């Protein structure tokens, strides 16, 4: 994660069912669905103003840390999150073994 994102707080917006990262007034977010044991990450989006800045990777990393600290597993249905975990295999331990594409990570 780039240094400029380290101190930005991750917000869990339960009303909209998404994790949010405010970067200079622009909101990057990940839609989620949550059960008692797992968090499904559905869709990641960063506004065009943040394109190429690393904001999407930062929100994924912050969200994965949050899920790990909560003691839950993740199901990365979002193609961006799936690709992030595949590129950063240290996060695979957080993925639910019941996730349909688990063996592709």
C-alpha atoms as a PDB file:
ATOM      1  CA  UNK A   1       0.000   0.000   0.000  1.00  0.00           C
ATOM      2  CA  UNK A   2       1.278   3.432  -0.888  1.00  0.00           C
ATOM      3  CA  UNK A   3       2.259   5.638   2.061  1.00  0.00           C
ATOM      4  CA  UNK A   4      -0.434   8.239   1.350  1.00  0.00           C
ATOM      5  CA  UNK A   5      -3.166   5.687   2.174  1.00  0.00           C
ATOM      6  CA  UNK A   6      -1.707   4.227   5.376  1.00  0.00           C
ATOM      7  CA  UNK A   7      -3.279   6.709   7.791  1.00  0.00           C
ATOM      8  CA  UNK A   8      -6.635   6.976   6.012  1.00  0.00           C
ATOM      9  CA  UNK A   9      -9.350   5.245   8.039  1.00  0.00           C
ATOM     10  CA  UNK A  10     -11.470   2.462   6.567  1.00  0.00           C
ATOM     11  CA  UNK A  11     -15.166   3.073   7.184  1.00  0.00           C
ATOM     12  CA  UNK A  12     -17.651   0.217   7.388  1.00  0.00           C
ATOM     13  CA  UNK A  13     -20.862   1.762   6.055  1.00  0.00           C
ATOM     14  CA  UNK A  14     -23.429  -0.767   7.263  1.00  0.00           C
ATOM     15  CA  UNK A  15     -26.336   1.256   5.857  1.00  0.00           C
ATOM     16  CA  UNK A  16     -24.963   0.878   2.304  1.00  0.00           C
ATOM     17  CA  UNK A  17     -23.269  -2.512   2.966  1.00  0.00           C
ATOM     18  CA  UNK A  18     -19.889  -1.308   1.818  1.00  0.00           C
ATOM     19  CA  UNK A  19     -16.411  -0.533   3.070  1.00  0.00           C
ATOM     20  CA  UNK A  20     -15.313   2.990   2.173  1.00  0.00           C
ATOM     21  CA  UNK A  21     -12.045   4.875   1.878  1.00  0.00           C
ATOM     22  CA  UNK A  22     -12.220   8.663   1.524  1.00  0.00           C
ATOM     23  CA  UNK A  23      -9.279   9.913  -0.533  1.00  0.00           C
ATOM     24  CA  UNK A  24      -9.276  13.696  -0.877  1.00  0.00           C
ATOM     25  CA  UNK A  25     -13.081  13.778  -0.961  1.00  0.00           C
ATOM     26  CA  UNK A  26     -13.387  10.875  -3.423  1.00  0.00           C
ATOM     27  CA  UNK A  27     -14.859   7.626  -2.093  1.00  0.00           C
ATOM     28  CA  UNK A  28     -13.458   4.241  -3.136  1.00  0.00           C
ATOM     29  CA  UNK A  29     -15.639   1.379  -1.926  1.00  0.00           C
ATOM     30  CA  UNK A  30     -16.189  -2.380  -1.773  1.00  0.00           C
ATOM     31  CA  UNK A  31     -19.738  -3.744  -1.602  1.00  0.00           C
ATOM     32  CA  UNK A  32     -20.092  -6.655   0.815  1.00  0.00           C
ATOM     33  CA  UNK A  33     -22.511  -9.173   2.278  1.00  0.00           C
ATOM     34  CA  UNK A  34     -21.767 -10.531   5.741  1.00  0.00           C
ATOM     35  CA  UNK A  35     -22.716 -13.584   7.783  1.00  0.00           C
ATOM     36  CA  UNK A  36     -21.620 -14.571  11.271  1.00  0.00           C
ATOM     37  CA  UNK A  37     -18.491 -16.252   9.889  1.00  0.00           C
ATOM     38  CA  UNK A  38     -17.646 -14.770   6.498  1.00  0.00           C
ATOM     39  CA  UNK A  39     -17.618 -11.554   4.493  1.00  0.00           C
ATOM     40  CA  UNK A  40     -18.364 -11.790   0.778  1.00  0.00           C
ATOM     41  CA  UNK A  41     -16.699  -9.009  -1.187  1.00  0.00           C
ATOM     42  CA  UNK A  42     -18.884  -8.354  -4.228  1.00  0.00           C
ATOM     43  CA  UNK A  43     -17.681  -5.275  -6.115  1.00  0.00           C
ATOM     44  CA  UNK A  44     -14.811  -2.788  -5.818  1.00  0.00           C
ATOM     45  CA  UNK A  45     -15.051   0.686  -7.271  1.00  0.00           C
ATOM     46  CA  UNK A  46     -12.821   3.739  -7.254  1.00  0.00           C
ATOM     47  CA  UNK A  47     -13.856   7.003  -8.922  1.00  0.00           C
ATOM     48  CA  UNK A  48     -12.041   8.011 -12.100  1.00  0.00           C
ATOM     49  CA  UNK A  49     -10.302  10.792 -10.135  1.00  0.00           C
ATOM     50  CA  UNK A  50      -8.412   8.050  -8.260  1.00  0.00           C
ATOM     51  CA  UNK A  51      -7.505   5.962 -11.320  1.00  0.00           C
ATOM     52  CA  UNK A  52      -3.944   4.707 -11.143  1.00  0.00           C
ATOM     53  CA  UNK A  53      -3.392   6.098  -7.641  1.00  0.00           C
ATOM     54  CA  UNK A  54      -3.395   2.762  -5.823  1.00  0.00           C
ATOM     55  CA  UNK A  55      -6.635   3.578  -3.980  1.00  0.00           C
ATOM     56  CA  UNK A  56      -8.366   0.357  -5.066  1.00  0.00           C
ATOM     57  CA  UNK A  57      -5.468  -1.778  -3.834  1.00  0.00           C
ATOM     58  CA  UNK A  58      -5.386   0.208  -0.585  1.00  0.00           C
ATOM     59  CA  UNK A  59      -9.068  -0.338   0.169  1.00  0.00           C
ATOM     60  CA  UNK A  60      -8.738  -4.054  -0.578  1.00  0.00           C
ATOM     61  CA  UNK A  61      -5.763  -4.376   1.762  1.00  0.00           C
ATOM     62  CA  UNK A  62      -7.458  -2.364   4.524  1.00  0.00           C
ATOM     63  CA  UNK A  63     -10.653  -4.417   4.127  1.00  0.00           C
ATOM     64  CA  UNK A  64      -8.747  -7.708   4.313  1.00  0.00           C
ATOM     65  CA  UNK A  65      -7.013  -6.518   7.495  1.00  0.00           C
ATOM     66  CA  UNK A  66     -10.410  -5.607   8.952  1.00  0.00           C
ATOM     67  CA  UNK A  67     -11.848  -9.041   8.108  1.00  0.00           C
ATOM     68  CA  UNK A  68      -8.797 -10.797   9.558  1.00  0.00           C
ATOM     69  CA  UNK A  69      -9.053  -8.797  12.790  1.00  0.00           C
ATOM     70  CA  UNK A  70     -12.757  -9.663  13.031  1.00  0.00           C
ATOM     71  CA  UNK A  71     -11.897 -13.384  12.955  1.00  0.00           C
ATOM     72  CA  UNK A  72     -13.956 -14.031   9.829  1.00  0.00           C
ATOM     73  CA  UNK A  73     -13.121 -15.510   6.448  1.00  0.00           C
ATOM     74  CA  UNK A  74     -13.528 -13.827   3.085  1.00  0.00           C
ATOM     75  CA  UNK A  75     -15.189 -14.933  -0.144  1.00  0.00           C
ATOM     76  CA  UNK A  76     -13.685 -12.788  -2.927  1.00  0.00           C
ATOM     77  CA  UNK A  77     -16.459 -12.760  -5.548  1.00  0.00           C
ATOM     78  CA  UNK A  78     -15.224  -9.382  -6.811  1.00  0.00           C
ATOM     79  CA  UNK A  79     -12.773 -10.041  -9.681  1.00  0.00           C
ATOM     80  CA  UNK A  80     -10.468  -7.249  -8.475  1.00  0.00           C
ATOM     81  CA  UNK A  81     -10.281  -8.652  -4.920  1.00  0.00           C
ATOM     82  CA  UNK A  82      -9.788 -12.176  -6.318  1.00  0.00           C
ATOM     83  CA  UNK A  83      -6.879 -10.936  -8.487  1.00  0.00           C
ATOM     84  CA  UNK A  84      -5.405  -9.014  -5.524  1.00  0.00           C
ATOM     85  CA  UNK A  85      -5.392 -12.144  -3.343  1.00  0.00           C
ATOM     86  CA  UNK A  86      -3.958 -14.231  -6.183  1.00  0.00           C
ATOM     87  CA  UNK A  87      -1.143 -11.677  -6.587  1.00  0.00           C
ATOM     88  CA  UNK A  88      -0.623 -11.490  -2.797  1.00  0.00           C
ATOM     89  CA  UNK A  89      -0.881 -15.158  -1.695  1.00  0.00           C
ATOM     90  CA  UNK A  90      -0.286 -14.345   1.967  1.00  0.00           C
ATOM     91  CA  UNK A  91      -4.013 -13.428   2.027  1.00  0.00           C
ATOM     92  CA  UNK A  92      -5.203 -16.849   0.792  1.00  0.00           C
ATOM     93  CA  UNK A  93      -5.294 -18.127   4.384  1.00  0.00           C
ATOM     94  CA  UNK A  94      -8.173 -15.702   4.950  1.00  0.00           C
ATOM     95  CA  UNK A  95     -10.269 -17.133   2.082  1.00  0.00           C
ATOM     96  CA  UNK A  96     -13.030 -19.563   2.992  1.00  0.00           C
ATOM     97  CA  UNK A  97     -12.167 -23.046   1.676  1.00  0.00           C
ATOM     98  CA  UNK A  98     -15.836 -23.266   0.598  1.00  0.00           C
ATOM     99  CA  UNK A  99     -15.304 -20.432  -1.883  1.00  0.00           C
ATOM    100  CA  UNK A 100     -15.966 -21.994  -5.341  1.00  0.00           C
ATOM    101  CA  UNK A 101     -12.690 -20.758  -6.896  1.00  0.00           C
ATOM    102  CA  UNK A 102     -10.533 -21.420  -3.813  1.00  0.00           C
ATOM    103  CA  UNK A 103      -8.216 -23.782  -5.731  1.00  0.00           C
ATOM    104  CA  UNK A 104      -7.605 -21.134  -8.404  1.00  0.00           C
ATOM    105  CA  UNK A 105      -5.915 -18.804  -5.902  1.00  0.00           C
END
